[in-house]
């Protein structure tokens, strides 16, 4: 599977989202809201939306997984 720039960006946003959810779950600390002015600020909402779209795009990547990338 050849990586595309969109795949890299989506993976980066998915990781950011996962780390943010981990911080919320373990420490009740929302890093995105803290950095960008609260949960209701427009910038935080844009970041949350981009992370959500990246998650949806990440679902489509499951169709591209095949056995040819495995090393025997």
N, C-alpha and C. Protein backbone atom coordinates (compact mmCIF):
# COMPACT_ATOMS: atom_id res chain seq x y z
N UNK A 1 0.85 -1.17 0.00
CA UNK A 1 0.00 0.00 0.00
C UNK A 1 0.90 1.24 0.00
N UNK A 2 0.72 2.09 -0.97
CA UNK A 2 1.51 3.31 -1.08
C UNK A 2 0.84 4.42 -0.28
N UNK A 3 1.63 5.11 0.51
CA UNK A 3 1.09 6.17 1.35
C UNK A 3 0.92 7.46 0.56
N UNK A 4 -0.17 8.15 0.83
CA UNK A 4 -0.46 9.43 0.19
C UNK A 4 -0.40 10.52 1.25
N UNK A 5 -0.19 11.77 0.83
CA UNK A 5 -0.17 12.87 1.81
C UNK A 5 -1.48 12.95 2.62
N UNK A 6 -2.61 12.69 1.97
CA UNK A 6 -3.88 12.73 2.70
C UNK A 6 -3.93 11.65 3.77
N UNK A 7 -3.36 10.48 3.48
CA UNK A 7 -3.31 9.41 4.48
C UNK A 7 -2.48 9.84 5.69
N UNK A 8 -1.36 10.51 5.43
CA UNK A 8 -0.50 10.98 6.51
C UNK A 8 -1.22 12.01 7.37
N UNK A 9 -1.87 12.97 6.73
CA UNK A 9 -2.60 14.01 7.46
C UNK A 9 -3.73 13.39 8.29
N UNK A 10 -4.45 12.46 7.68
CA UNK A 10 -5.55 11.80 8.39
C UNK A 10 -5.02 11.03 9.59
N UNK A 11 -3.92 10.31 9.41
CA UNK A 11 -3.34 9.55 10.52
C UNK A 11 -2.89 10.50 11.63
N UNK A 12 -2.29 11.60 11.27
CA UNK A 12 -1.86 12.58 12.27
C UNK A 12 -3.05 13.12 13.06
N UNK A 13 -4.13 13.47 12.37
CA UNK A 13 -5.32 13.97 13.06
C UNK A 13 -5.97 12.89 13.93
N UNK A 14 -5.96 11.65 13.47
CA UNK A 14 -6.51 10.55 14.26
C UNK A 14 -5.70 10.36 15.54
N UNK A 15 -4.38 10.47 15.44
CA UNK A 15 -3.53 10.34 16.62
C UNK A 15 -3.77 11.50 17.59
N UNK A 16 -3.89 12.71 17.06
CA UNK A 16 -4.19 13.87 17.92
C UNK A 16 -5.52 13.65 18.65
N UNK A 17 -6.52 13.18 17.92
CA UNK A 17 -7.82 12.91 18.54
C UNK A 17 -7.74 11.83 19.60
N UNK A 18 -6.99 10.78 19.31
CA UNK A 18 -6.85 9.69 20.28
C UNK A 18 -6.14 10.16 21.54
N UNK A 19 -5.08 10.95 21.37
CA UNK A 19 -4.37 11.47 22.53
C UNK A 19 -5.26 12.41 23.34
N UNK A 20 -6.02 13.24 22.66
CA UNK A 20 -6.93 14.14 23.37
C UNK A 20 -7.98 13.36 24.15
N UNK A 21 -8.56 12.33 23.53
CA UNK A 21 -9.54 11.51 24.25
C UNK A 21 -8.91 10.76 25.42
N UNK A 22 -7.66 10.33 25.26
CA UNK A 22 -6.97 9.69 26.37
C UNK A 22 -6.78 10.64 27.54
N UNK A 23 -6.40 11.89 27.23
CA UNK A 23 -6.24 12.88 28.28
C UNK A 23 -7.57 13.18 28.97
N UNK A 24 -8.64 13.23 28.18
CA UNK A 24 -9.96 13.47 28.77
C UNK A 24 -10.35 12.30 29.67
N UNK A 25 -10.13 11.09 29.19
CA UNK A 25 -10.51 9.91 29.95
C UNK A 25 -9.72 9.72 31.23
N UNK A 26 -8.42 9.94 31.17
CA UNK A 26 -7.57 9.69 32.33
C UNK A 26 -7.50 10.88 33.29
N UNK A 27 -7.49 12.09 32.75
CA UNK A 27 -7.22 13.26 33.58
C UNK A 27 -8.30 14.35 33.52
N UNK A 28 -9.38 14.11 32.78
CA UNK A 28 -10.43 15.12 32.59
C UNK A 28 -9.84 16.43 32.09
N UNK A 29 -8.91 16.32 31.14
CA UNK A 29 -8.21 17.48 30.59
C UNK A 29 -8.34 17.46 29.07
N UNK A 30 -8.99 18.46 28.52
CA UNK A 30 -9.18 18.59 27.08
C UNK A 30 -8.11 19.52 26.53
N UNK A 31 -7.07 18.94 25.93
CA UNK A 31 -5.94 19.71 25.43
C UNK A 31 -6.34 20.64 24.29
N UNK A 32 -7.18 20.17 23.38
CA UNK A 32 -7.62 21.01 22.26
C UNK A 32 -8.36 22.24 22.78
N UNK A 33 -9.27 22.05 23.70
CA UNK A 33 -10.02 23.17 24.26
C UNK A 33 -9.09 24.13 25.01
N UNK A 34 -8.11 23.59 25.73
CA UNK A 34 -7.18 24.42 26.47
C UNK A 34 -6.32 25.26 25.53
N UNK A 35 -5.85 24.66 24.45
CA UNK A 35 -4.96 25.38 23.53
C UNK A 35 -5.69 26.39 22.65
N UNK A 36 -6.95 26.11 22.33
CA UNK A 36 -7.63 26.91 21.32
C UNK A 36 -8.87 27.64 21.84
N UNK A 37 -8.96 27.88 23.13
CA UNK A 37 -9.96 28.78 23.64
C UNK A 37 -11.28 28.18 24.07
N UNK A 38 -11.29 26.97 24.56
CA UNK A 38 -12.52 26.37 25.05
C UNK A 38 -13.23 25.54 24.00
N UNK A 39 -14.15 24.70 24.48
CA UNK A 39 -14.85 23.79 23.57
C UNK A 39 -15.75 24.50 22.58
N UNK A 40 -16.20 25.68 22.92
CA UNK A 40 -17.14 26.37 22.04
C UNK A 40 -16.49 27.38 21.10
N UNK A 41 -15.17 27.55 21.19
CA UNK A 41 -14.52 28.49 20.27
C UNK A 41 -14.55 27.91 18.86
N UNK A 42 -14.57 28.78 17.89
CA UNK A 42 -14.68 28.31 16.50
C UNK A 42 -13.46 27.50 16.08
N UNK A 43 -12.27 27.85 16.59
CA UNK A 43 -11.06 27.11 16.22
C UNK A 43 -11.07 25.70 16.80
N UNK A 44 -11.49 25.56 18.04
CA UNK A 44 -11.61 24.23 18.63
C UNK A 44 -12.61 23.38 17.86
N UNK A 45 -13.73 23.99 17.50
CA UNK A 45 -14.76 23.25 16.75
C UNK A 45 -14.26 22.81 15.39
N UNK A 46 -13.44 23.64 14.74
CA UNK A 46 -12.86 23.25 13.45
C UNK A 46 -11.92 22.06 13.64
N UNK A 47 -11.11 22.10 14.69
CA UNK A 47 -10.19 20.99 14.94
C UNK A 47 -10.96 19.72 15.27
N UNK A 48 -11.99 19.82 16.11
CA UNK A 48 -12.81 18.64 16.41
C UNK A 48 -13.44 18.08 15.13
N UNK A 49 -13.91 18.96 14.25
CA UNK A 49 -14.53 18.52 13.00
C UNK A 49 -13.51 17.84 12.10
N UNK A 50 -12.30 18.40 12.01
CA UNK A 50 -11.26 17.79 11.18
C UNK A 50 -10.85 16.43 11.71
N UNK A 51 -10.76 16.31 13.02
CA UNK A 51 -10.44 15.01 13.62
C UNK A 51 -11.54 14.00 13.31
N UNK A 52 -12.79 14.43 13.40
CA UNK A 52 -13.91 13.55 13.07
C UNK A 52 -13.89 13.12 11.62
N UNK A 53 -13.63 14.05 10.72
CA UNK A 53 -13.53 13.70 9.30
C UNK A 53 -12.36 12.76 9.02
N UNK A 54 -11.25 12.98 9.73
CA UNK A 54 -10.11 12.08 9.58
C UNK A 54 -10.46 10.68 10.05
N UNK A 55 -11.24 10.59 11.12
CA UNK A 55 -11.68 9.27 11.60
C UNK A 55 -12.55 8.56 10.56
N UNK A 56 -13.44 9.31 9.93
CA UNK A 56 -14.27 8.72 8.88
C UNK A 56 -13.42 8.29 7.69
N UNK A 57 -12.45 9.11 7.32
CA UNK A 57 -11.54 8.75 6.23
C UNK A 57 -10.73 7.52 6.62
N UNK A 58 -10.32 7.44 7.88
CA UNK A 58 -9.57 6.28 8.36
C UNK A 58 -10.35 4.98 8.21
N UNK A 59 -11.67 5.07 8.36
CA UNK A 59 -12.49 3.87 8.14
C UNK A 59 -12.36 3.36 6.71
N UNK A 60 -12.23 4.26 5.76
CA UNK A 60 -12.12 3.84 4.37
C UNK A 60 -10.79 3.15 4.08
N UNK A 61 -9.79 3.38 4.91
CA UNK A 61 -8.49 2.76 4.69
C UNK A 61 -8.50 1.26 4.97
N UNK A 62 -9.48 0.78 5.73
CA UNK A 62 -9.57 -0.65 5.97
C UNK A 62 -9.75 -1.43 4.68
N UNK A 63 -10.37 -0.84 3.69
CA UNK A 63 -10.55 -1.51 2.40
C UNK A 63 -9.26 -1.65 1.62
N UNK A 64 -8.20 -0.92 2.01
CA UNK A 64 -6.95 -0.95 1.28
C UNK A 64 -5.92 -1.90 1.91
N UNK A 65 -6.27 -2.51 3.01
CA UNK A 65 -5.36 -3.43 3.69
C UNK A 65 -5.40 -4.75 2.93
N UNK A 66 -4.22 -5.24 2.58
CA UNK A 66 -4.15 -6.53 1.91
C UNK A 66 -2.94 -7.32 2.44
N UNK A 67 -2.83 -8.55 2.02
CA UNK A 67 -1.77 -9.43 2.52
C UNK A 67 -0.44 -9.21 1.82
N UNK A 68 -0.38 -8.42 0.76
CA UNK A 68 0.86 -8.25 0.02
C UNK A 68 1.88 -7.40 0.77
N UNK A 69 1.45 -6.65 1.78
CA UNK A 69 2.36 -5.81 2.54
C UNK A 69 3.06 -6.57 3.66
N UNK A 70 2.64 -7.78 3.94
CA UNK A 70 3.23 -8.55 5.04
C UNK A 70 4.54 -9.17 4.61
N UNK A 71 5.47 -9.24 5.56
CA UNK A 71 6.76 -9.86 5.32
C UNK A 71 6.69 -11.27 5.88
N UNK A 72 7.09 -12.24 5.08
CA UNK A 72 7.03 -13.65 5.52
C UNK A 72 8.27 -14.06 6.25
